[in-house]
Amino acid sequence: MHHNRCSVPQRGGSQRFQFDPLDIDRLRSSTAMLNDVCINSTTALLQQLWTQPGDISEQHSRRCAIFSTFDLVMVRYNCPPKEIYRRTAKIQYWKKDIWILPIHRTTPTAHWVLCVIYTRSQELLFFDSLADESFWQREMHVRIRTSDFSFFSSDI
């Protein structure tokens, strides 16, 4: 039954952000593990709210392209480029200088991490509460700028 689902209309379209009762409980909990619905819908909803004309965060929010948790999976499994573009074109990432990419990690334990990509400076920032720097160095072939512990890709 859909009467227990929370729907928030999306500005400029008929799509809605959908939150099932279990997802709302996850968001309320300080210990529950988030799922893709919580991450995708919440980030899109926050960006919509923060890009309202006159909002204090409007200018900064409009600089960001927020990718879905499914976008990286499409790349990983060699989805045709036309399909990847079709699914990501609506965020107009080519016009944005900050890309936000949620990543589901399976090691050391299943959890979500966040990669913030600054396209102009080619800087990658990883937020991973469960891994140390050496893990990401091996995984992403990165070097660490020790002055601020930011991660940079040598291959971008």
C-alpha atoms as a PDB file:
ATOM      1  CA  MET A   1       0.000   0.000   0.000  1.00  0.00           C
ATOM      2  CA  HIS A   2       1.294   3.421  -0.941  1.00  0.00           C
ATOM      3  CA  HIS A   3      -0.521   5.488   1.687  1.00  0.00           C
ATOM      4  CA  ASN A   4       2.415   5.074   4.091  1.00  0.00           C
ATOM      5  CA  ARG A   5       4.936   6.367   1.574  1.00  0.00           C
ATOM      6  CA  CYS A   6       6.145   9.950   1.906  1.00  0.00           C
ATOM      7  CA  SER A   7       6.244  11.783  -1.436  1.00  0.00           C
ATOM      8  CA  VAL A   8       7.786  15.175  -2.040  1.00  0.00           C
ATOM      9  CA  PRO A   9       7.091  16.764  -5.452  1.00  0.00           C
ATOM     10  CA  GLN A  10      10.127  17.547  -7.555  1.00  0.00           C
ATOM     11  CA  ARG A  11      10.360  21.125  -8.785  1.00  0.00           C
ATOM     12  CA  GLY A  12       9.765  21.476 -12.517  1.00  0.00           C
ATOM     13  CA  GLY A  13       8.536  17.965 -13.142  1.00  0.00           C
ATOM     14  CA  SER A  14       6.071  15.274 -12.264  1.00  0.00           C
ATOM     15  CA  GLN A  15       8.613  12.976 -10.608  1.00  0.00           C
ATOM     16  CA  ARG A  16       8.563  12.785  -6.849  1.00  0.00           C
ATOM     17  CA  PHE A  17      11.119  11.898  -4.263  1.00  0.00           C
ATOM     18  CA  GLN A  18       9.786   8.720  -2.677  1.00  0.00           C
ATOM     19  CA  PHE A  19      10.602   7.593   0.847  1.00  0.00           C
ATOM     20  CA  ASP A  20       9.143   4.337   2.138  1.00  0.00           C
ATOM     21  CA  PRO A  21       8.501   4.066   5.895  1.00  0.00           C
ATOM     22  CA  LEU A  22      11.596   1.883   6.333  1.00  0.00           C
ATOM     23  CA  ASP A  23      13.714   4.501   4.545  1.00  0.00           C
ATOM     24  CA  ILE A  24      12.342   7.243   6.787  1.00  0.00           C
ATOM     25  CA  ASP A  25      13.184   5.091   9.820  1.00  0.00           C
ATOM     26  CA  ARG A  26      16.727   4.653   8.487  1.00  0.00           C
ATOM     27  CA  LEU A  27      17.106   8.415   8.141  1.00  0.00           C
ATOM     28  CA  ARG A  28      15.790   8.989  11.669  1.00  0.00           C
ATOM     29  CA  SER A  29      18.135   6.466  13.223  1.00  0.00           C
ATOM     30  CA  SER A  30      21.656   7.358  14.288  1.00  0.00           C
ATOM     31  CA  THR A  31      22.789   3.737  13.832  1.00  0.00           C
ATOM     32  CA  ALA A  32      20.889   2.394  10.806  1.00  0.00           C
ATOM     33  CA  MET A  33      22.772   1.788   7.579  1.00  0.00           C
ATOM     34  CA  LEU A  34      21.639   3.962   4.685  1.00  0.00           C
ATOM     35  CA  ASN A  35      20.565   2.408   1.404  1.00  0.00           C
ATOM     36  CA  ASP A  36      20.594   3.752  -2.150  1.00  0.00           C
ATOM     37  CA  VAL A  37      17.068   5.192  -1.858  1.00  0.00           C
ATOM     38  CA  CYS A  38      18.043   7.200   1.228  1.00  0.00           C
ATOM     39  CA  ILE A  39      21.191   8.506  -0.432  1.00  0.00           C
ATOM     40  CA  ASN A  40      19.788   9.265  -3.894  1.00  0.00           C
ATOM     41  CA  SER A  41      16.489  10.795  -2.800  1.00  0.00           C
ATOM     42  CA  THR A  42      17.874  12.768   0.122  1.00  0.00           C
ATOM     43  CA  THR A  43      20.744  14.319  -1.823  1.00  0.00           C
ATOM     44  CA  ALA A  44      18.457  15.248  -4.734  1.00  0.00           C
ATOM     45  CA  LEU A  45      15.862  16.700  -2.359  1.00  0.00           C
ATOM     46  CA  LEU A  46      18.476  18.732  -0.463  1.00  0.00           C
ATOM     47  CA  GLN A  47      19.926  20.078  -3.689  1.00  0.00           C
ATOM     48  CA  GLN A  48      16.457  21.079  -4.869  1.00  0.00           C
ATOM     49  CA  LEU A  49      15.782  22.886  -1.601  1.00  0.00           C
ATOM     50  CA  TRP A  50      19.193  24.583  -1.558  1.00  0.00           C
ATOM     51  CA  THR A  51      18.949  25.834  -5.160  1.00  0.00           C
ATOM     52  CA  GLN A  52      15.762  27.795  -4.519  1.00  0.00           C
ATOM     53  CA  PRO A  53      16.181  31.416  -5.664  1.00  0.00           C
ATOM     54  CA  GLY A  54      17.366  33.518  -2.752  1.00  0.00           C
ATOM     55  CA  ASP A  55      18.506  30.571  -0.618  1.00  0.00           C
ATOM     56  CA  ILE A  56      21.829  31.222   1.089  1.00  0.00           C
ATOM     57  CA  SER A  57      23.249  28.043  -0.521  1.00  0.00           C
ATOM     58  CA  GLU A  58      21.836  28.608  -4.013  1.00  0.00           C
ATOM     59  CA  GLN A  59      25.066  29.735  -5.675  1.00  0.00           C
ATOM     60  CA  HIS A  60      27.094  26.844  -4.246  1.00  0.00           C
ATOM     61  CA  SER A  61      24.430  24.213  -4.831  1.00  0.00           C
ATOM     62  CA  ARG A  62      24.097  25.111  -8.511  1.00  0.00           C
ATOM     63  CA  ARG A  63      27.824  24.342  -8.975  1.00  0.00           C
ATOM     64  CA  CYS A  64      27.295  20.695  -7.979  1.00  0.00           C
ATOM     65  CA  ALA A  65      26.389  17.686 -10.086  1.00  0.00           C
ATOM     66  CA  ILE A  66      25.137  14.931  -7.808  1.00  0.00           C
ATOM     67  CA  PHE A  67      25.458  11.508  -9.355  1.00  0.00           C
ATOM     68  CA  SER A  68      23.194   8.622  -8.430  1.00  0.00           C
ATOM     69  CA  THR A  69      24.520   5.575  -6.628  1.00  0.00           C
ATOM     70  CA  PHE A  70      23.743   3.653  -9.824  1.00  0.00           C
ATOM     71  CA  ASP A  71      25.906   5.741 -12.181  1.00  0.00           C
ATOM     72  CA  LEU A  72      29.258   4.267 -11.152  1.00  0.00           C
ATOM     73  CA  VAL A  73      27.763   0.780 -11.342  1.00  0.00           C
ATOM     74  CA  MET A  74      26.827   1.406 -14.986  1.00  0.00           C
ATOM     75  CA  VAL A  75      30.430   2.331 -15.738  1.00  0.00           C
ATOM     76  CA  ARG A  76      31.795  -0.638 -13.794  1.00  0.00           C
ATOM     77  CA  TYR A  77      29.680  -3.092 -15.787  1.00  0.00           C
ATOM     78  CA  ASN A  78      30.504  -1.558 -19.190  1.00  0.00           C
ATOM     79  CA  CYS A  79      27.101  -0.074 -19.879  1.00  0.00           C
ATOM     80  CA  PRO A  80      27.067   1.537 -23.352  1.00  0.00           C
ATOM     81  CA  PRO A  81      28.172   5.199 -23.235  1.00  0.00           C
ATOM     82  CA  LYS A  82      24.884   6.336 -24.800  1.00  0.00           C
ATOM     83  CA  GLU A  83      22.954   4.765 -21.923  1.00  0.00           C
ATOM     84  CA  ILE A  84      25.254   6.301 -19.316  1.00  0.00           C
ATOM     85  CA  TYR A  85      24.825   9.709 -20.954  1.00  0.00           C
ATOM     86  CA  ARG A  86      21.044   9.277 -21.172  1.00  0.00           C
ATOM     87  CA  ARG A  87      20.879   8.513 -17.450  1.00  0.00           C
ATOM     88  CA  THR A  88      23.251  11.306 -16.346  1.00  0.00           C
ATOM     89  CA  ALA A  89      22.497  14.123 -18.828  1.00  0.00           C
ATOM     90  CA  LYS A  90      19.765  15.639 -16.654  1.00  0.00           C
ATOM     91  CA  ILE A  91      22.337  16.704 -14.033  1.00  0.00           C
ATOM     92  CA  GLN A  92      24.347  18.571 -16.709  1.00  0.00           C
ATOM     93  CA  TYR A  93      27.631  17.490 -15.135  1.00  0.00           C
ATOM     94  CA  TRP A  94      29.657  19.064 -17.956  1.00  0.00           C
ATOM     95  CA  LYS A  95      28.490  22.503 -16.749  1.00  0.00           C
ATOM     96  CA  LYS A  96      29.366  21.873 -13.089  1.00  0.00           C
ATOM     97  CA  ASP A  97      32.755  22.223 -11.448  1.00  0.00           C
ATOM     98  CA  ILE A  98      31.938  20.010  -8.443  1.00  0.00           C
ATOM     99  CA  TRP A  99      30.814  16.423  -8.904  1.00  0.00           C
ATOM    100  CA  ILE A 100      29.479  14.451  -5.952  1.00  0.00           C
ATOM    101  CA  LEU A 101      29.712  10.695  -6.340  1.00  0.00           C
ATOM    102  CA  PRO A 102      28.474   8.206  -3.721  1.00  0.00           C
ATOM    103  CA  ILE A 103      30.319   4.878  -3.850  1.00  0.00           C
ATOM    104  CA  HIS A 104      29.277   1.609  -2.257  1.00  0.00           C
ATOM    105  CA  ARG A 105      32.327  -0.184  -0.864  1.00  0.00           C
ATOM    106  CA  THR A 106      32.350  -3.842   0.015  1.00  0.00           C
ATOM    107  CA  THR A 107      35.629  -3.781   1.962  1.00  0.00           C
ATOM    108  CA  PRO A 108      36.644  -3.651   4.717  1.00  0.00           C
ATOM    109  CA  THR A 109      32.903  -3.968   5.324  1.00  0.00           C
ATOM    110  CA  ALA A 110      29.892  -2.940   3.246  1.00  0.00           C
ATOM    111  CA  HIS A 111      29.435   0.816   3.596  1.00  0.00           C
ATOM    112  CA  TRP A 112      28.992   4.028   1.640  1.00  0.00           C
ATOM    113  CA  VAL A 113      31.746   6.512   0.956  1.00  0.00           C
ATOM    114  CA  LEU A 114      31.683   9.832  -0.800  1.00  0.00           C
ATOM    115  CA  CYS A 115      33.940  11.175  -3.504  1.00  0.00           C
ATOM    116  CA  VAL A 116      33.837  14.902  -4.217  1.00  0.00           C
ATOM    117  CA  ILE A 117      35.483  15.751  -7.528  1.00  0.00           C
ATOM    118  CA  TYR A 118      36.672  19.275  -8.233  1.00  0.00           C
ATOM    119  CA  THR A 119      36.937  19.237 -12.013  1.00  0.00           C
ATOM    120  CA  ARG A 120      38.886  22.489 -12.440  1.00  0.00           C
ATOM    121  CA  SER A 121      41.680  21.597 -10.020  1.00  0.00           C
ATOM    122  CA  GLN A 122      41.407  17.841 -10.732  1.00  0.00           C
ATOM    123  CA  GLU A 123      41.146  17.211  -7.008  1.00  0.00           C
ATOM    124  CA  LEU A 124      39.432  14.145  -5.544  1.00  0.00           C
ATOM    125  CA  LEU A 125      38.311  14.202  -1.927  1.00  0.00           C
ATOM    126  CA  PHE A 126      37.303  10.878  -0.378  1.00  0.00           C
ATOM    127  CA  PHE A 127      35.241  10.650   2.770  1.00  0.00           C
ATOM    128  CA  ASP A 128      35.471   7.143   4.155  1.00  0.00           C
ATOM    129  CA  SER A 129      35.100   6.628   7.879  1.00  0.00           C
ATOM    130  CA  LEU A 130      36.179   2.982   7.743  1.00  0.00           C
ATOM    131  CA  ALA A 131      39.321   2.999   5.592  1.00  0.00           C
ATOM    132  CA  ASP A 132      42.748   4.451   6.053  1.00  0.00           C
ATOM    133  CA  GLU A 133      44.673   6.458   3.460  1.00  0.00           C
ATOM    134  CA  SER A 134      46.778   3.515   2.296  1.00  0.00           C
ATOM    135  CA  PHE A 135      43.664   1.666   1.135  1.00  0.00           C
ATOM    136  CA  TRP A 136      42.654   4.507  -1.191  1.00  0.00           C
ATOM    137  CA  GLN A 137      46.219   4.947  -2.426  1.00  0.00           C
ATOM    138  CA  ARG A 138      46.232   1.331  -3.618  1.00  0.00           C
ATOM    139  CA  GLU A 139      42.681   1.471  -4.940  1.00  0.00           C
ATOM    140  CA  MET A 140      42.773   4.771  -6.822  1.00  0.00           C
ATOM    141  CA  HIS A 141      46.480   5.287  -7.551  1.00  0.00           C
ATOM    142  CA  VAL A 142      46.487   8.582  -5.689  1.00  0.00           C
ATOM    143  CA  ARG A 143      49.082  10.672  -3.976  1.00  0.00           C
ATOM    144  CA  ILE A 144      48.418  12.477  -0.728  1.00  0.00           C
ATOM    145  CA  ARG A 145      49.135  16.138  -0.181  1.00  0.00           C
ATOM    146  CA  THR A 146      50.005  15.970   3.498  1.00  0.00           C
ATOM    147  CA  SER A 147      49.406  19.651   4.160  1.00  0.00           C
ATOM    148  CA  ASP A 148      45.648  19.154   4.179  1.00  0.00           C
ATOM    149  CA  PHE A 149      45.205  15.395   3.704  1.00  0.00           C
ATOM    150  CA  SER A 150      43.393  15.895   0.390  1.00  0.00           C
ATOM    151  CA  PHE A 151      43.596  13.184  -2.222  1.00  0.00           C
ATOM    152  CA  PHE A 152      44.701  13.915  -5.762  1.00  0.00           C
ATOM    153  CA  SER A 153      44.549  11.632  -8.734  1.00  0.00           C
ATOM    154  CA  SER A 154      47.643  11.350 -10.868  1.00  0.00           C
ATOM    155  CA  ASP A 155      45.604  10.008 -13.765  1.00  0.00           C
ATOM    156  CA  ILE A 156      42.838  12.588 -14.243  1.00  0.00           C
END
